[in-house]
Amino acid sequence: MKHFKLSSETKIYGTTMLHRIEALIDLPQHDVKVGDIGGWIERESNLSGNAWIAGDAQVFDNAQVFGNAQVYGNARVSDNAHVYGNARVSDNAQVYGNAHVYGNAQVFGNALVSGNARVSDAALVFGDAWVFGNAQVSGDAQVYGNARVSGCALVFGVAHVYGDAQVSGDAQVHGNARVSGDARVFGDARVSGDVWLFDGK
């Protein structure tokens, strides 16, 4: 049984008509009851499984939110992006391009995840951070502040990348490593263990 319907409330975002959703069944995992009004989608295929879109969040184009995922606040998921599993995208965050956010990952604040990027497991991307290209953030890693992770870079383990730090190319940051300040990690560099790298030092 489908768990939502398109309500009669619509609005235009750019050139796209969006429809507000209404719950047809209880979704206790999202604290949603029958008749509750949710967020906005372009078409029914944007939402499936037991996933939910709440608040003024918008999901459109060919984007898909499924599993037990939730998109809420003023978040936007667009293009061919996928949000699934138990993932959460909230606040003013945006997921677009061919990006995937899944597992128990969370993207919030003003964060951006785009391109072919992957954010998974229990990873957090927040603040004004941007993960793009073919980058992957996984495990219990966190990317925040104004940090940028791009190229084919990997950030995993319990690593933190924050401040104005940039991780790019085929670089890897993992273990308990911390990369912050104006630090740049690129090429085939590896930062791991208990290393703290900041201000390029």
C-alpha atoms as a PDB file:
ATOM      1  CA  MET A   1       0.000   0.000   0.000  1.00  0.00           C
ATOM      2  CA  LYS A   2       1.292   3.419  -0.944  1.00  0.00           C
ATOM      3  CA  HIS A   3       1.965   5.513   2.156  1.00  0.00           C
ATOM      4  CA  PHE A   4       1.226   8.955   0.734  1.00  0.00           C
ATOM      5  CA  LYS A   5      -0.768  10.848  -1.827  1.00  0.00           C
ATOM      6  CA  LEU A   6      -0.302  14.122  -3.645  1.00  0.00           C
ATOM      7  CA  SER A   7      -2.388  16.797  -1.985  1.00  0.00           C
ATOM      8  CA  SER A   8      -4.129  19.569  -3.884  1.00  0.00           C
ATOM      9  CA  GLU A   9      -1.489  22.075  -2.733  1.00  0.00           C
ATOM     10  CA  THR A  10       1.075  22.910  -5.398  1.00  0.00           C
ATOM     11  CA  LYS A  11       3.819  25.445  -6.000  1.00  0.00           C
ATOM     12  CA  ILE A  12       6.333  26.265  -8.685  1.00  0.00           C
ATOM     13  CA  TYR A  13      10.066  25.966  -8.027  1.00  0.00           C
ATOM     14  CA  GLY A  14      11.917  27.377 -11.023  1.00  0.00           C
ATOM     15  CA  THR A  15      10.024  25.740 -13.880  1.00  0.00           C
ATOM     16  CA  THR A  16       9.004  22.668 -11.873  1.00  0.00           C
ATOM     17  CA  MET A  17       5.588  22.125 -10.361  1.00  0.00           C
ATOM     18  CA  LEU A  18       5.808  20.562  -6.923  1.00  0.00           C
ATOM     19  CA  HIS A  19       3.044  18.842  -4.982  1.00  0.00           C
ATOM     20  CA  ARG A  20       2.776  18.687  -1.225  1.00  0.00           C
ATOM     21  CA  ILE A  21       2.325  15.161   0.107  1.00  0.00           C
ATOM     22  CA  GLU A  22      -0.154  13.790   2.648  1.00  0.00           C
ATOM     23  CA  ALA A  23       0.325  10.609   4.684  1.00  0.00           C
ATOM     24  CA  LEU A  24      -2.092   7.728   4.036  1.00  0.00           C
ATOM     25  CA  ILE A  25      -0.749   5.552   6.862  1.00  0.00           C
ATOM     26  CA  ASP A  26       1.047   6.013  10.157  1.00  0.00           C
ATOM     27  CA  LEU A  27       4.828   6.115   9.937  1.00  0.00           C
ATOM     28  CA  PRO A  28       5.834   5.907  13.603  1.00  0.00           C
ATOM     29  CA  GLN A  29       9.548   5.910  12.777  1.00  0.00           C
ATOM     30  CA  HIS A  30       9.067   9.438  11.437  1.00  0.00           C
ATOM     31  CA  ASP A  31       6.425  10.467  14.009  1.00  0.00           C
ATOM     32  CA  VAL A  32       3.925  10.778  11.141  1.00  0.00           C
ATOM     33  CA  LYS A  33       0.223   9.962  11.414  1.00  0.00           C
ATOM     34  CA  VAL A  34      -2.484   9.468   8.799  1.00  0.00           C
ATOM     35  CA  GLY A  35      -3.468  12.818   7.340  1.00  0.00           C
ATOM     36  CA  ASP A  36      -0.237  14.602   8.243  1.00  0.00           C
ATOM     37  CA  ILE A  37       1.018  16.976   5.593  1.00  0.00           C
ATOM     38  CA  GLY A  38       4.585  16.525   4.418  1.00  0.00           C
ATOM     39  CA  GLY A  39       7.010  18.249   2.108  1.00  0.00           C
ATOM     40  CA  TRP A  40       7.116  18.641  -1.656  1.00  0.00           C
ATOM     41  CA  ILE A  41       7.777  16.301  -4.565  1.00  0.00           C
ATOM     42  CA  GLU A  42       7.507  16.618  -8.316  1.00  0.00           C
ATOM     43  CA  ARG A  43       6.226  13.108  -9.000  1.00  0.00           C
ATOM     44  CA  GLU A  44       5.232  10.019  -7.062  1.00  0.00           C
ATOM     45  CA  SER A  45       8.404   8.189  -8.093  1.00  0.00           C
ATOM     46  CA  ASN A  46      10.422  10.660  -5.990  1.00  0.00           C
ATOM     47  CA  LEU A  47       9.295   8.893  -2.790  1.00  0.00           C
ATOM     48  CA  SER A  48       8.892   5.198  -1.942  1.00  0.00           C
ATOM     49  CA  GLY A  49       9.388   2.562   0.736  1.00  0.00           C
ATOM     50  CA  ASN A  50       8.717   4.009   4.187  1.00  0.00           C
ATOM     51  CA  ALA A  51      10.654   7.175   3.514  1.00  0.00           C
ATOM     52  CA  TRP A  52       9.207  10.585   4.309  1.00  0.00           C
ATOM     53  CA  ILE A  53       9.656  14.195   3.241  1.00  0.00           C
ATOM     54  CA  ALA A  54       8.649  16.804   5.802  1.00  0.00           C
ATOM     55  CA  GLY A  55       8.514  20.536   6.347  1.00  0.00           C
ATOM     56  CA  ASP A  56       9.386  22.573   3.267  1.00  0.00           C
ATOM     57  CA  ALA A  57      11.848  20.021   1.931  1.00  0.00           C
ATOM     58  CA  GLN A  58      11.754  19.434  -1.818  1.00  0.00           C
ATOM     59  CA  VAL A  59      12.558  16.344  -3.890  1.00  0.00           C
ATOM     60  CA  PHE A  60      12.298  16.639  -7.658  1.00  0.00           C
ATOM     61  CA  ASP A  61      13.715  15.764 -11.080  1.00  0.00           C
ATOM     62  CA  ASN A  62      14.631  12.066 -11.045  1.00  0.00           C
ATOM     63  CA  ALA A  63      15.771  12.096  -7.431  1.00  0.00           C
ATOM     64  CA  GLN A  64      14.621   9.250  -5.200  1.00  0.00           C
ATOM     65  CA  VAL A  65      14.122   9.041  -1.456  1.00  0.00           C
ATOM     66  CA  PHE A  66      13.373   5.518  -0.238  1.00  0.00           C
ATOM     67  CA  GLY A  67      13.922   2.935   2.476  1.00  0.00           C
ATOM     68  CA  ASN A  68      13.414   4.634   5.854  1.00  0.00           C
ATOM     69  CA  ALA A  69      15.153   7.827   4.814  1.00  0.00           C
ATOM     70  CA  GLN A  70      13.868  11.264   5.743  1.00  0.00           C
ATOM     71  CA  VAL A  71      14.333  14.649   4.089  1.00  0.00           C
ATOM     72  CA  TYR A  72      13.073  17.623   6.072  1.00  0.00           C
ATOM     73  CA  GLY A  73      13.549  21.265   6.954  1.00  0.00           C
ATOM     74  CA  ASN A  74      14.336  23.263   3.813  1.00  0.00           C
ATOM     75  CA  ALA A  75      16.506  20.547   2.299  1.00  0.00           C
ATOM     76  CA  ARG A  76      16.525  19.811  -1.427  1.00  0.00           C
ATOM     77  CA  VAL A  77      17.257  16.562  -3.251  1.00  0.00           C
ATOM     78  CA  SER A  78      17.322  16.840  -7.033  1.00  0.00           C
ATOM     79  CA  ASP A  79      18.735  15.640 -10.343  1.00  0.00           C
ATOM     80  CA  ASN A  80      19.455  11.890 -10.060  1.00  0.00           C
ATOM     81  CA  ALA A  81      20.409  11.881  -6.394  1.00  0.00           C
ATOM     82  CA  HIS A  82      19.386   9.034  -4.057  1.00  0.00           C
ATOM     83  CA  VAL A  83      18.768   9.206  -0.314  1.00  0.00           C
ATOM     84  CA  TYR A  84      17.989   5.849   1.280  1.00  0.00           C
ATOM     85  CA  GLY A  85      18.491   3.460   4.149  1.00  0.00           C
ATOM     86  CA  ASN A  86      18.061   5.413   7.382  1.00  0.00           C
ATOM     87  CA  ALA A  87      19.762   8.511   6.016  1.00  0.00           C
ATOM     88  CA  ARG A  88      18.680  12.023   6.974  1.00  0.00           C
ATOM     89  CA  VAL A  89      18.997  15.215   4.933  1.00  0.00           C
ATOM     90  CA  SER A  90      17.809  18.337   6.706  1.00  0.00           C
ATOM     91  CA  ASP A  91      18.088  22.075   7.357  1.00  0.00           C
ATOM     92  CA  ASN A  92      19.237  23.815   4.146  1.00  0.00           C
ATOM     93  CA  ALA A  93      21.332  20.917   2.876  1.00  0.00           C
ATOM     94  CA  GLN A  94      21.299  19.948  -0.790  1.00  0.00           C
ATOM     95  CA  VAL A  95      21.992  16.592  -2.429  1.00  0.00           C
ATOM     96  CA  TYR A  96      22.112  16.651  -6.213  1.00  0.00           C
ATOM     97  CA  GLY A  97      23.804  15.354  -9.320  1.00  0.00           C
ATOM     98  CA  ASN A  98      24.255  11.580  -9.020  1.00  0.00           C
ATOM     99  CA  ALA A  99      25.124  11.715  -5.339  1.00  0.00           C
ATOM    100  CA  HIS A 100      24.004   9.021  -2.877  1.00  0.00           C
ATOM    101  CA  VAL A 101      23.427   9.462   0.852  1.00  0.00           C
ATOM    102  CA  TYR A 102      22.614   6.218   2.635  1.00  0.00           C
ATOM    103  CA  GLY A 103      23.056   3.980   5.644  1.00  0.00           C
ATOM    104  CA  ASN A 104      22.710   6.113   8.782  1.00  0.00           C
ATOM    105  CA  ALA A 105      24.450   9.085   7.224  1.00  0.00           C
ATOM    106  CA  GLN A 106      23.283  12.631   7.894  1.00  0.00           C
ATOM    107  CA  VAL A 107      23.694  15.752   5.782  1.00  0.00           C
ATOM    108  CA  PHE A 108      22.531  18.981   7.398  1.00  0.00           C
ATOM    109  CA  GLY A 109      23.214  22.654   7.940  1.00  0.00           C
ATOM    110  CA  ASN A 110      24.110  24.267   4.609  1.00  0.00           C
ATOM    111  CA  ALA A 111      26.097  21.272   3.407  1.00  0.00           C
ATOM    112  CA  LEU A 112      26.215  20.182  -0.230  1.00  0.00           C
ATOM    113  CA  VAL A 113      26.722  16.674  -1.613  1.00  0.00           C
ATOM    114  CA  SER A 114      26.918  16.499  -5.395  1.00  0.00           C
ATOM    115  CA  GLY A 115      28.473  14.903  -8.442  1.00  0.00           C
ATOM    116  CA  ASN A 116      29.003  11.179  -7.897  1.00  0.00           C
ATOM    117  CA  ALA A 117      29.805  11.594  -4.219  1.00  0.00           C
ATOM    118  CA  ARG A 118      28.805   8.984  -1.636  1.00  0.00           C
ATOM    119  CA  VAL A 119      28.080   9.628   2.033  1.00  0.00           C
ATOM    120  CA  SER A 120      27.326   6.442   3.927  1.00  0.00           C
ATOM    121  CA  ASP A 121      27.409   4.443   7.162  1.00  0.00           C
ATOM    122  CA  ALA A 122      27.165   6.883  10.110  1.00  0.00           C
ATOM    123  CA  ALA A 123      29.066   9.706   8.418  1.00  0.00           C
ATOM    124  CA  LEU A 124      28.091  13.340   9.010  1.00  0.00           C
ATOM    125  CA  VAL A 125      28.439  16.206   6.529  1.00  0.00           C
ATOM    126  CA  PHE A 126      27.305  19.546   7.901  1.00  0.00           C
ATOM    127  CA  GLY A 127      27.997  23.236   8.321  1.00  0.00           C
ATOM    128  CA  ASP A 128      29.002  24.718   4.959  1.00  0.00           C
ATOM    129  CA  ALA A 129      30.923  21.631   3.874  1.00  0.00           C
ATOM    130  CA  TRP A 130      30.833  20.341   0.311  1.00  0.00           C
ATOM    131  CA  VAL A 131      31.497  16.760  -0.807  1.00  0.00           C
ATOM    132  CA  PHE A 132      31.618  16.387  -4.573  1.00  0.00           C
ATOM    133  CA  GLY A 133      33.248  14.682  -7.533  1.00  0.00           C
ATOM    134  CA  ASN A 134      33.717  10.971  -6.819  1.00  0.00           C
ATOM    135  CA  ALA A 135      34.551  11.530  -3.160  1.00  0.00           C
ATOM    136  CA  GLN A 136      33.360   9.164  -0.447  1.00  0.00           C
ATOM    137  CA  VAL A 137      32.750   9.864   3.223  1.00  0.00           C
ATOM    138  CA  SER A 138      31.958   6.788   5.301  1.00  0.00           C
ATOM    139  CA  GLY A 139      32.295   5.059   8.641  1.00  0.00           C
ATOM    140  CA  ASP A 140      31.933   7.556  11.502  1.00  0.00           C
ATOM    141  CA  ALA A 141      33.786  10.283   9.627  1.00  0.00           C
ATOM    142  CA  GLN A 142      32.712  13.914   9.804  1.00  0.00           C
ATOM    143  CA  VAL A 143      33.173  16.706   7.278  1.00  0.00           C
ATOM    144  CA  TYR A 144      32.110  20.162   8.441  1.00  0.00           C
ATOM    145  CA  GLY A 145      32.904  23.848   8.636  1.00  0.00           C
ATOM    146  CA  ASN A 146      33.913  25.078   5.172  1.00  0.00           C
ATOM    147  CA  ALA A 147      35.728  21.862   4.315  1.00  0.00           C
ATOM    148  CA  ARG A 148      35.816  20.468   0.798  1.00  0.00           C
ATOM    149  CA  VAL A 149      36.249  16.804  -0.132  1.00  0.00           C
ATOM    150  CA  SER A 150      36.472  16.163  -3.866  1.00  0.00           C
ATOM    151  CA  GLY A 151      38.051  14.164  -6.653  1.00  0.00           C
ATOM    152  CA  CYS A 152      38.291  10.494  -5.690  1.00  0.00           C
ATOM    153  CA  ALA A 153      39.181  11.279  -2.096  1.00  0.00           C
ATOM    154  CA  LEU A 154      38.165   8.957   0.742  1.00  0.00           C
ATOM    155  CA  VAL A 155      37.413  10.064   4.299  1.00  0.00           C
ATOM    156  CA  PHE A 156      36.529   7.220   6.648  1.00  0.00           C
ATOM    157  CA  GLY A 157      37.069   5.682  10.051  1.00  0.00           C
ATOM    158  CA  VAL A 158      36.472   8.368  12.681  1.00  0.00           C
ATOM    159  CA  ALA A 159      38.396  11.019  10.760  1.00  0.00           C
ATOM    160  CA  HIS A 160      37.337  14.677  10.845  1.00  0.00           C
ATOM    161  CA  VAL A 161      37.886  17.187   8.045  1.00  0.00           C
ATOM    162  CA  TYR A 162      36.876  20.715   8.997  1.00  0.00           C
ATOM    163  CA  GLY A 163      37.718  24.390   9.002  1.00  0.00           C
ATOM    164  CA  ASP A 164      38.790  25.428   5.500  1.00  0.00           C
ATOM    165  CA  ALA A 165      40.553  22.137   4.848  1.00  0.00           C
ATOM    166  CA  GLN A 166      40.510  20.509   1.431  1.00  0.00           C
ATOM    167  CA  VAL A 167      40.964  16.824   0.620  1.00  0.00           C
ATOM    168  CA  SER A 168      41.140  16.009  -3.085  1.00  0.00           C
ATOM    169  CA  GLY A 169      42.636  13.821  -5.772  1.00  0.00           C
ATOM    170  CA  ASP A 170      43.127  10.225  -4.599  1.00  0.00           C
ATOM    171  CA  ALA A 171      43.908  11.276  -1.043  1.00  0.00           C
ATOM    172  CA  GLN A 172      42.709   9.285   1.948  1.00  0.00           C
ATOM    173  CA  VAL A 173      42.046  10.515   5.466  1.00  0.00           C
ATOM    174  CA  HIS A 174      41.125   7.849   8.000  1.00  0.00           C
ATOM    175  CA  GLY A 175      41.667   6.410  11.452  1.00  0.00           C
ATOM    176  CA  ASN A 176      41.471   9.147  14.103  1.00  0.00           C
ATOM    177  CA  ALA A 177      43.053  11.705  11.815  1.00  0.00           C
ATOM    178  CA  ARG A 178      42.052  15.380  11.956  1.00  0.00           C
ATOM    179  CA  VAL A 179      42.548  17.713   9.001  1.00  0.00           C
ATOM    180  CA  SER A 180      41.620  21.322   9.693  1.00  0.00           C
ATOM    181  CA  GLY A 181      42.475  24.971   9.251  1.00  0.00           C
ATOM    182  CA  ASP A 182      43.829  25.708   5.777  1.00  0.00           C
ATOM    183  CA  ALA A 183      45.321  22.263   5.326  1.00  0.00           C
ATOM    184  CA  ARG A 184      45.412  20.687   1.875  1.00  0.00           C
ATOM    185  CA  VAL A 185      45.631  16.935   1.344  1.00  0.00           C
ATOM    186  CA  PHE A 186      45.819  15.904  -2.294  1.00  0.00           C
ATOM    187  CA  GLY A 187      47.365  13.593  -4.848  1.00  0.00           C
ATOM    188  CA  ASP A 188      47.965  10.121  -3.388  1.00  0.00           C
ATOM    189  CA  ALA A 189      48.498  11.406   0.148  1.00  0.00           C
ATOM    190  CA  ARG A 190      47.461   9.307   3.145  1.00  0.00           C
ATOM    191  CA  VAL A 191      46.661  10.807   6.538  1.00  0.00           C
ATOM    192  CA  SER A 192      45.803   8.229   9.153  1.00  0.00           C
ATOM    193  CA  GLY A 193      46.148   7.086  12.737  1.00  0.00           C
ATOM    194  CA  ASP A 194      46.126   9.873  15.338  1.00  0.00           C
ATOM    195  CA  VAL A 195      47.659  12.489  13.049  1.00  0.00           C
ATOM    196  CA  TRP A 196      46.458  16.090  13.307  1.00  0.00           C
ATOM    197  CA  LEU A 197      47.137  18.228  10.238  1.00  0.00           C
ATOM    198  CA  PHE A 198      46.219  21.905  10.319  1.00  0.00           C
ATOM    199  CA  ASP A 199      47.159  25.104   8.486  1.00  0.00           C
ATOM    200  CA  GLY A 200      49.136  23.046   6.030  1.00  0.00           C
ATOM    201  CA  LYS A 201      51.438  21.675   8.768  1.00  0.00           C
END
